[in-house]
């Protein structure tokens, strides 16, 4: 993917980006459905962000993401309801 550059739907790279966007929607839907433990939320966020999420980080759903791969959260972060990535 091209950093910071526009990718049009006719671009050959668009299908890869579209797949990642669909994956982000699916992960966010799982995160927002039902009551999840802190460990389950961290697991889903790590899958979405493709990086470790510190144990001290807390997010209260609902959570929305249209991509998520470039999202980084530090230690001791608390995100209340309605986060959008």
PDB file of N, CA and C in Angstrom:
ATOM      1  N   UNK A   1       0.829  -1.178   0.000  1.00  0.00           N
ATOM      2  CA  UNK A   1       0.000   0.000   0.000  1.00  0.00           C
ATOM      3  C   UNK A   1       0.875   1.243   0.000  1.00  0.00           C
ATOM      4  N   UNK A   2       0.325   2.266  -0.539  1.00  0.00           N
ATOM      5  CA  UNK A   2       1.056   3.528  -0.630  1.00  0.00           C
ATOM      6  C   UNK A   2       0.720   4.411   0.557  1.00  0.00           C
ATOM      7  N   UNK A   3       1.733   4.816   1.273  1.00  0.00           N
ATOM      8  CA  UNK A   3       1.531   5.609   2.479  1.00  0.00           C
ATOM      9  C   UNK A   3       0.954   6.976   2.164  1.00  0.00           C
ATOM     10  N   UNK A   4      -0.242   7.231   2.684  1.00  0.00           N
ATOM     11  CA  UNK A   4      -0.853   8.538   2.555  1.00  0.00           C
ATOM     12  C   UNK A   4      -1.376   8.891   1.178  1.00  0.00           C
ATOM     13  N   UNK A   5      -1.307   7.978   0.233  1.00  0.00           N
ATOM     14  CA  UNK A   5      -1.752   8.274  -1.130  1.00  0.00           C
ATOM     15  C   UNK A   5      -3.148   7.699  -1.363  1.00  0.00           C
ATOM     16  N   UNK A   6      -3.888   8.361  -2.200  1.00  0.00           N
ATOM     17  CA  UNK A   6      -5.222   7.932  -2.563  1.00  0.00           C
ATOM     18  C   UNK A   6      -5.156   6.639  -3.379  1.00  0.00           C
ATOM     19  N   UNK A   7      -6.029   5.709  -3.053  1.00  0.00           N
ATOM     20  CA  UNK A   7      -6.149   4.482  -3.840  1.00  0.00           C
ATOM     21  C   UNK A   7      -7.563   4.448  -4.402  1.00  0.00           C
ATOM     22  N   UNK A   8      -7.673   4.481  -5.693  1.00  0.00           N
ATOM     23  CA  UNK A   8      -8.975   4.472  -6.368  1.00  0.00           C
ATOM     24  C   UNK A   8      -9.472   3.033  -6.540  1.00  0.00           C
ATOM     25  N   UNK A   9     -10.770   2.891  -6.738  1.00  0.00           N
ATOM     26  CA  UNK A   9     -11.354   1.559  -6.877  1.00  0.00           C
ATOM     27  C   UNK A   9     -10.820   0.804  -8.086  1.00  0.00           C
ATOM     28  N   UNK A  10     -10.371   1.515  -9.100  1.00  0.00           N
ATOM     29  CA  UNK A  10      -9.821   0.827 -10.284  1.00  0.00           C
ATOM     30  C   UNK A  10      -8.330   0.498 -10.132  1.00  0.00           C
ATOM     31  N   UNK A  11      -7.727   0.929  -9.046  1.00  0.00           N
ATOM     32  CA  UNK A  11      -6.312   0.661  -8.767  1.00  0.00           C
ATOM     33  C   UNK A  11      -6.126  -0.834  -8.495  1.00  0.00           C
ATOM     34  N   UNK A  12      -5.070  -1.458  -9.018  1.00  0.00           N
ATOM     35  CA  UNK A  12      -4.834  -2.883  -8.777  1.00  0.00           C
ATOM     36  C   UNK A  12      -4.680  -3.228  -7.290  1.00  0.00           C
ATOM     37  N   UNK A  13      -4.262  -2.276  -6.478  1.00  0.00           N
ATOM     38  CA  UNK A  13      -4.082  -2.516  -5.047  1.00  0.00           C
ATOM     39  C   UNK A  13      -5.394  -2.414  -4.265  1.00  0.00           C
ATOM     40  N   UNK A  14      -6.445  -1.929  -4.903  1.00  0.00           N
ATOM     41  CA  UNK A  14      -7.684  -1.682  -4.185  1.00  0.00           C
ATOM     42  C   UNK A  14      -8.296  -2.954  -3.602  1.00  0.00           C
ATOM     43  N   UNK A  15      -8.211  -4.064  -4.285  1.00  0.00           N
ATOM     44  CA  UNK A  15      -8.833  -5.296  -3.761  1.00  0.00           C
ATOM     45  C   UNK A  15      -8.207  -5.703  -2.427  1.00  0.00           C
ATOM     46  N   UNK A  16      -6.907  -5.505  -2.274  1.00  0.00           N
ATOM     47  CA  UNK A  16      -6.242  -5.819  -1.003  1.00  0.00           C
ATOM     48  C   UNK A  16      -6.732  -4.882   0.097  1.00  0.00           C
ATOM     49  N   UNK A  17      -6.853  -3.612  -0.224  1.00  0.00           N
ATOM     50  CA  UNK A  17      -7.343  -2.627   0.741  1.00  0.00           C
ATOM     51  C   UNK A  17      -8.799  -2.936   1.103  1.00  0.00           C
ATOM     52  N   UNK A  18      -9.602  -3.252   0.111  1.00  0.00           N
ATOM     53  CA  UNK A  18     -11.008  -3.580   0.339  1.00  0.00           C
ATOM     54  C   UNK A  18     -11.139  -4.782   1.272  1.00  0.00           C
ATOM     55  N   UNK A  19     -10.295  -5.781   1.111  1.00  0.00           N
ATOM     56  CA  UNK A  19     -10.320  -6.954   1.994  1.00  0.00           C
ATOM     57  C   UNK A  19      -9.998  -6.573   3.429  1.00  0.00           C
ATOM     58  N   UNK A  20      -9.021  -5.689   3.617  1.00  0.00           N
ATOM     59  CA  UNK A  20      -8.650  -5.241   4.959  1.00  0.00           C
ATOM     60  C   UNK A  20      -9.770  -4.416   5.596  1.00  0.00           C
ATOM     61  N   UNK A  21     -10.455  -3.616   4.802  1.00  0.00           N
ATOM     62  CA  UNK A  21     -11.581  -2.832   5.306  1.00  0.00           C
ATOM     63  C   UNK A  21     -12.708  -3.774   5.744  1.00  0.00           C
ATOM     64  N   UNK A  22     -13.020  -4.771   4.931  1.00  0.00           N
ATOM     65  CA  UNK A  22     -14.060  -5.745   5.293  1.00  0.00           C
ATOM     66  C   UNK A  22     -13.684  -6.497   6.560  1.00  0.00           C
ATOM     67  N   UNK A  23     -12.394  -6.854   6.699  1.00  0.00           N
ATOM     68  CA  UNK A  23     -11.930  -7.529   7.907  1.00  0.00           C
ATOM     69  C   UNK A  23     -12.118  -6.620   9.125  1.00  0.00           C
ATOM     70  N   UNK A  24     -11.811  -5.335   8.986  1.00  0.00           N
ATOM     71  CA  UNK A  24     -11.984  -4.382  10.091  1.00  0.00           C
ATOM     72  C   UNK A  24     -13.453  -4.297  10.491  1.00  0.00           C
ATOM     73  N   UNK A  25     -14.355  -4.257   9.526  1.00  0.00           N
ATOM     74  CA  UNK A  25     -15.793  -4.218   9.831  1.00  0.00           C
ATOM     75  C   UNK A  25     -16.219  -5.475  10.599  1.00  0.00           C
ATOM     76  N   UNK A  26     -15.717  -6.634  10.181  1.00  0.00           N
ATOM     77  CA  UNK A  26     -16.063  -7.893  10.841  1.00  0.00           C
ATOM     78  C   UNK A  26     -15.547  -7.921  12.277  1.00  0.00           C
ATOM     79  N   UNK A  27     -14.309  -7.484  12.490  1.00  0.00           N
ATOM     80  CA  UNK A  27     -13.736  -7.466  13.836  1.00  0.00           C
ATOM     81  C   UNK A  27     -14.512  -6.498  14.723  1.00  0.00           C
ATOM     82  N   UNK A  28     -14.825  -5.316  14.206  1.00  0.00           N
ATOM     83  CA  UNK A  28     -15.589  -4.339  14.985  1.00  0.00           C
ATOM     84  C   UNK A  28     -16.972  -4.890  15.329  1.00  0.00           C
ATOM     85  N   UNK A  29     -17.595  -5.596  14.407  1.00  0.00           N
ATOM     86  CA  UNK A  29     -18.912  -6.187  14.672  1.00  0.00           C
ATOM     87  C   UNK A  29     -18.814  -7.222  15.791  1.00  0.00           C
ATOM     88  N   UNK A  30     -17.769  -8.042  15.778  1.00  0.00           N
ATOM     89  CA  UNK A  30     -17.561  -9.019  16.853  1.00  0.00           C
ATOM     90  C   UNK A  30     -17.328  -8.317  18.184  1.00  0.00           C
ATOM     91  N   UNK A  31     -16.532  -7.273  18.148  1.00  0.00           N
ATOM     92  CA  UNK A  31     -16.223  -6.534  19.362  1.00  0.00           C
ATOM     93  C   UNK A  31     -17.480  -5.905  19.961  1.00  0.00           C
ATOM     94  N   UNK A  32     -18.385  -5.466  19.121  1.00  0.00           N
ATOM     95  CA  UNK A  32     -19.581  -4.764  19.576  1.00  0.00           C
ATOM     96  C   UNK A  32     -20.762  -5.674  19.885  1.00  0.00           C
ATOM     97  N   UNK A  33     -20.658  -6.949  19.561  1.00  0.00           N
ATOM     98  CA  UNK A  33     -21.788  -7.855  19.787  1.00  0.00           C
ATOM     99  C   UNK A  33     -21.610  -8.590  21.116  1.00  0.00           C
ATOM    100  N   UNK A  34     -22.542  -8.411  21.984  1.00  0.00           N
ATOM    101  CA  UNK A  34     -22.513  -9.110  23.257  1.00  0.00           C
ATOM    102  C   UNK A  34     -21.539  -8.501  24.252  1.00  0.00           C
ATOM    103  N   UNK A  35     -21.473  -9.143  25.384  1.00  0.00           N
ATOM    104  CA  UNK A  35     -20.585  -8.701  26.465  1.00  0.00           C
ATOM    105  C   UNK A  35     -19.253  -9.435  26.329  1.00  0.00           C
ATOM    106  N   UNK A  36     -18.168  -8.698  26.245  1.00  0.00           N
ATOM    107  CA  UNK A  36     -16.844  -9.287  26.051  1.00  0.00           C
ATOM    108  C   UNK A  36     -15.951  -8.993  27.244  1.00  0.00           C
ATOM    109  N   UNK A  37     -15.110  -9.946  27.576  1.00  0.00           N
ATOM    110  CA  UNK A  37     -14.131  -9.740  28.650  1.00  0.00           C
ATOM    111  C   UNK A  37     -13.028  -8.810  28.157  1.00  0.00           C
ATOM    112  N   UNK A  38     -12.287  -8.282  29.100  1.00  0.00           N
ATOM    113  CA  UNK A  38     -11.153  -7.426  28.758  1.00  0.00           C
ATOM    114  C   UNK A  38     -10.169  -8.175  27.856  1.00  0.00           C
ATOM    115  N   UNK A  39      -9.910  -9.437  28.162  1.00  0.00           N
ATOM    116  CA  UNK A  39      -8.983 -10.250  27.358  1.00  0.00           C
ATOM    117  C   UNK A  39      -9.515 -10.451  25.943  1.00  0.00           C
ATOM    118  N   UNK A  40     -10.819 -10.679  25.805  1.00  0.00           N
ATOM    119  CA  UNK A  40     -11.408 -10.875  24.475  1.00  0.00           C
ATOM    120  C   UNK A  40     -11.348  -9.592  23.652  1.00  0.00           C
ATOM    121  N   UNK A  41     -11.593  -8.461  24.293  1.00  0.00           N
ATOM    122  CA  UNK A  41     -11.501  -7.177  23.595  1.00  0.00           C
ATOM    123  C   UNK A  41     -10.071  -6.929  23.137  1.00  0.00           C
ATOM    124  N   UNK A  42      -9.095  -7.164  24.009  1.00  0.00           N
ATOM    125  CA  UNK A  42      -7.689  -6.983  23.633  1.00  0.00           C
ATOM    126  C   UNK A  42      -7.316  -7.900  22.471  1.00  0.00           C
ATOM    127  N   UNK A  43      -7.772  -9.141  22.490  1.00  0.00           N
ATOM    128  CA  UNK A  43      -7.477 -10.087  21.410  1.00  0.00           C
ATOM    129  C   UNK A  43      -7.985  -9.558  20.073  1.00  0.00           C
ATOM    130  N   UNK A  44      -9.237  -9.075  20.059  1.00  0.00           N
ATOM    131  CA  UNK A  44      -9.813  -8.552  18.820  1.00  0.00           C
ATOM    132  C   UNK A  44      -9.092  -7.289  18.356  1.00  0.00           C
ATOM    133  N   UNK A  45      -8.739  -6.414  19.294  1.00  0.00           N
ATOM    134  CA  UNK A  45      -8.009  -5.198  18.925  1.00  0.00           C
ATOM    135  C   UNK A  45      -6.637  -5.529  18.356  1.00  0.00           C
ATOM    136  N   UNK A  46      -5.956  -6.506  18.946  1.00  0.00           N
ATOM    137  CA  UNK A  46      -4.649  -6.904  18.430  1.00  0.00           C
ATOM    138  C   UNK A  46      -4.772  -7.477  17.029  1.00  0.00           C
ATOM    139  N   UNK A  47      -5.841  -8.202  16.782  1.00  0.00           N
ATOM    140  CA  UNK A  47      -6.078  -8.733  15.434  1.00  0.00           C
ATOM    141  C   UNK A  47      -6.324  -7.586  14.453  1.00  0.00           C
ATOM    142  N   UNK A  48      -7.082  -6.589  14.887  1.00  0.00           N
ATOM    143  CA  UNK A  48      -7.390  -5.443  14.029  1.00  0.00           C
ATOM    144  C   UNK A  48      -6.159  -4.572  13.794  1.00  0.00           C
ATOM    145  N   UNK A  49      -5.435  -4.240  14.856  1.00  0.00           N
ATOM    146  CA  UNK A  49      -4.295  -3.332  14.758  1.00  0.00           C
ATOM    147  C   UNK A  49      -3.022  -4.008  14.255  1.00  0.00           C
ATOM    148  N   UNK A  50      -2.987  -5.336  14.265  1.00  0.00           N
ATOM    149  CA  UNK A  50      -1.791  -6.118  13.876  1.00  0.00           C
ATOM    150  C   UNK A  50      -0.597  -5.786  14.769  1.00  0.00           C
ATOM    151  N   UNK A  51      -0.892  -5.517  16.033  1.00  0.00           N
ATOM    152  CA  UNK A  51       0.181  -5.268  16.998  1.00  0.00           C
ATOM    153  C   UNK A  51      -0.371  -5.501  18.391  1.00  0.00           C
ATOM    154  N   UNK A  52       0.538  -5.681  19.332  1.00  0.00           N
ATOM    155  CA  UNK A  52       0.148  -5.930  20.714  1.00  0.00           C
ATOM    156  C   UNK A  52      -0.531  -4.702  21.316  1.00  0.00           C
ATOM    157  N   UNK A  53      -1.565  -4.953  22.102  1.00  0.00           N
ATOM    158  CA  UNK A  53      -2.256  -3.905  22.849  1.00  0.00           C
ATOM    159  C   UNK A  53      -1.918  -4.142  24.321  1.00  0.00           C
ATOM    160  N   UNK A  54      -1.377  -3.132  24.978  1.00  0.00           N
ATOM    161  CA  UNK A  54      -0.958  -3.266  26.365  1.00  0.00           C
ATOM    162  C   UNK A  54      -2.136  -3.658  27.252  1.00  0.00           C
ATOM    163  N   UNK A  55      -1.849  -4.479  28.267  1.00  0.00           N
ATOM    164  CA  UNK A  55      -2.890  -4.953  29.161  1.00  0.00           C
ATOM    165  C   UNK A  55      -3.596  -3.802  29.876  1.00  0.00           C
ATOM    166  N   UNK A  56      -2.903  -2.697  30.092  1.00  0.00           N
ATOM    167  CA  UNK A  56      -3.484  -1.557  30.804  1.00  0.00           C
ATOM    168  C   UNK A  56      -4.472  -0.763  29.954  1.00  0.00           C
ATOM    169  N   UNK A  57      -4.517  -1.023  28.651  1.00  0.00           N
ATOM    170  CA  UNK A  57      -5.424  -0.310  27.745  1.00  0.00           C
ATOM    171  C   UNK A  57      -6.830  -0.872  27.889  1.00  0.00           C
ATOM    172  N   UNK A  58      -7.789   0.010  28.028  1.00  0.00           N
ATOM    173  CA  UNK A  58      -9.192  -0.400  28.172  1.00  0.00           C
ATOM    174  C   UNK A  58     -10.044   0.349  27.153  1.00  0.00           C
ATOM    175  N   UNK A  59     -10.890  -0.387  26.452  1.00  0.00           N
ATOM    176  CA  UNK A  59     -11.821   0.214  25.491  1.00  0.00           C
ATOM    177  C   UNK A  59     -13.216  -0.306  25.797  1.00  0.00           C
ATOM    178  N   UNK A  60     -14.151   0.614  25.899  1.00  0.00           N
ATOM    179  CA  UNK A  60     -15.553   0.254  26.109  1.00  0.00           C
ATOM    180  C   UNK A  60     -16.289   0.352  24.783  1.00  0.00           C
ATOM    181  N   UNK A  61     -16.843  -0.759  24.303  1.00  0.00           N
ATOM    182  CA  UNK A  61     -17.619  -0.698  23.076  1.00  0.00           C
ATOM    183  C   UNK A  61     -18.838   0.191  23.244  1.00  0.00           C
ATOM    184  N   UNK A  62     -19.400   0.739  22.168  1.00  0.00           N
ATOM    185  CA  UNK A  62     -19.117   0.364  20.797  1.00  0.00           C
ATOM    186  C   UNK A  62     -17.810   0.962  20.273  1.00  0.00           C
ATOM    187  N   UNK A  63     -17.251   0.235  19.351  1.00  0.00           N
ATOM    188  CA  UNK A  63     -15.982   0.580  18.730  1.00  0.00           C
ATOM    189  C   UNK A  63     -16.194   0.491  17.228  1.00  0.00           C
ATOM    190  N   UNK A  64     -15.719   1.485  16.497  1.00  0.00           N
ATOM    191  CA  UNK A  64     -15.906   1.517  15.041  1.00  0.00           C
ATOM    192  C   UNK A  64     -14.561   1.646  14.349  1.00  0.00           C
ATOM    193  N   UNK A  65     -14.370   0.903  13.280  1.00  0.00           N
ATOM    194  CA  UNK A  65     -13.120   0.980  12.518  1.00  0.00           C
ATOM    195  C   UNK A  65     -13.418   0.762  11.050  1.00  0.00           C
ATOM    196  N   UNK A  66     -12.754   1.546  10.198  1.00  0.00           N
ATOM    197  CA  UNK A  66     -12.889   1.312   8.761  1.00  0.00           C
ATOM    198  C   UNK A  66     -11.595   0.757   8.179  1.00  0.00           C
ATOM    199  N   UNK A  67     -10.541   0.669   8.981  1.00  0.00           N
ATOM    200  CA  UNK A  67      -9.281   0.085   8.530  1.00  0.00           C
ATOM    201  C   UNK A  67      -8.516  -0.432   9.743  1.00  0.00           C
ATOM    202  N   UNK A  68      -8.013   0.460  10.585  1.00  0.00           N
ATOM    203  CA  UNK A  68      -7.438   0.083  11.866  1.00  0.00           C
ATOM    204  C   UNK A  68      -5.984  -0.319  11.900  1.00  0.00           C
ATOM    205  N   UNK A  69      -5.392  -0.661  10.775  1.00  0.00           N
ATOM    206  CA  UNK A  69      -4.031  -1.193  10.779  1.00  0.00           C
ATOM    207  C   UNK A  69      -2.977  -0.189  11.242  1.00  0.00           C
ATOM    208  N   UNK A  70      -3.256   1.097  11.154  1.00  0.00           N
ATOM    209  CA  UNK A  70      -2.276   2.102  11.556  1.00  0.00           C
ATOM    210  C   UNK A  70      -2.597   2.715  12.914  1.00  0.00           C
ATOM    211  N   UNK A  71      -3.549   2.118  13.629  1.00  0.00           N
ATOM    212  CA  UNK A  71      -3.935   2.618  14.940  1.00  0.00           C
ATOM    213  C   UNK A  71      -2.968   2.110  15.999  1.00  0.00           C
ATOM    214  N   UNK A  72      -2.542   3.019  16.863  1.00  0.00           N
ATOM    215  CA  UNK A  72      -1.651   2.657  17.977  1.00  0.00           C
ATOM    216  C   UNK A  72      -2.224   3.246  19.256  1.00  0.00           C
ATOM    217  N   UNK A  73      -2.273   2.418  20.295  1.00  0.00           N
ATOM    218  CA  UNK A  73      -2.709   2.880  21.610  1.00  0.00           C
ATOM    219  C   UNK A  73      -1.593   2.593  22.599  1.00  0.00           C
ATOM    220  N   UNK A  74      -1.290   3.549  23.446  1.00  0.00           N
ATOM    221  CA  UNK A  74      -0.218   3.381  24.420  1.00  0.00           C
ATOM    222  C   UNK A  74      -0.701   2.711  25.694  1.00  0.00           C
ATOM    223  N   UNK A  75       0.154   2.735  26.694  1.00  0.00           N
ATOM    224  CA  UNK A  75      -0.172   2.169  27.999  1.00  0.00           C
ATOM    225  C   UNK A  75      -1.119   3.100  28.735  1.00  0.00           C
ATOM    226  N   UNK A  76      -1.918   2.500  29.590  1.00  0.00           N
ATOM    227  CA  UNK A  76      -2.840   3.231  30.465  1.00  0.00           C
ATOM    228  C   UNK A  76      -3.831   4.107  29.706  1.00  0.00           C
ATOM    229  N   UNK A  77      -4.233   3.669  28.517  1.00  0.00           N
ATOM    230  CA  UNK A  77      -5.230   4.391  27.722  1.00  0.00           C
ATOM    231  C   UNK A  77      -6.606   3.835  28.077  1.00  0.00           C
ATOM    232  N   UNK A  78      -7.528   4.728  28.356  1.00  0.00           N
ATOM    233  CA  UNK A  78      -8.910   4.346  28.581  1.00  0.00           C
ATOM    234  C   UNK A  78      -9.755   5.084  27.545  1.00  0.00           C
ATOM    235  N   UNK A  79     -10.476   4.320  26.742  1.00  0.00           N
ATOM    236  CA  UNK A  79     -11.337   4.890  25.714  1.00  0.00           C
ATOM    237  C   UNK A  79     -12.768   4.575  26.090  1.00  0.00           C
ATOM    238  N   UNK A  80     -13.562   5.615  26.274  1.00  0.00           N
ATOM    239  CA  UNK A  80     -14.951   5.393  26.636  1.00  0.00           C
ATOM    240  C   UNK A  80     -15.747   5.022  25.395  1.00  0.00           C
ATOM    241  N   UNK A  81     -17.027   4.972  25.491  1.00  0.00           N
ATOM    242  CA  UNK A  81     -17.919   4.487  24.442  1.00  0.00           C
ATOM    243  C   UNK A  81     -17.819   5.300  23.154  1.00  0.00           C
ATOM    244  N   UNK A  82     -17.914   4.613  22.018  1.00  0.00           N
ATOM    245  CA  UNK A  82     -18.039   5.276  20.729  1.00  0.00           C
ATOM    246  C   UNK A  82     -16.727   5.632  20.041  1.00  0.00           C
ATOM    247  N   UNK A  83     -15.647   4.908  20.309  1.00  0.00           N
ATOM    248  CA  UNK A  83     -14.347   5.180  19.662  1.00  0.00           C
ATOM    249  C   UNK A  83     -14.450   4.885  18.167  1.00  0.00           C
ATOM    250  N   UNK A  84     -13.862   5.734  17.358  1.00  0.00           N
ATOM    251  CA  UNK A  84     -13.812   5.521  15.911  1.00  0.00           C
ATOM    252  C   UNK A  84     -12.362   5.556  15.457  1.00  0.00           C
ATOM    253  N   UNK A  85     -11.950   4.512  14.736  1.00  0.00           N
ATOM    254  CA  UNK A  85     -10.577   4.404  14.255  1.00  0.00           C
ATOM    255  C   UNK A  85     -10.558   4.480  12.747  1.00  0.00           C
TER     256      UNK A  85
END
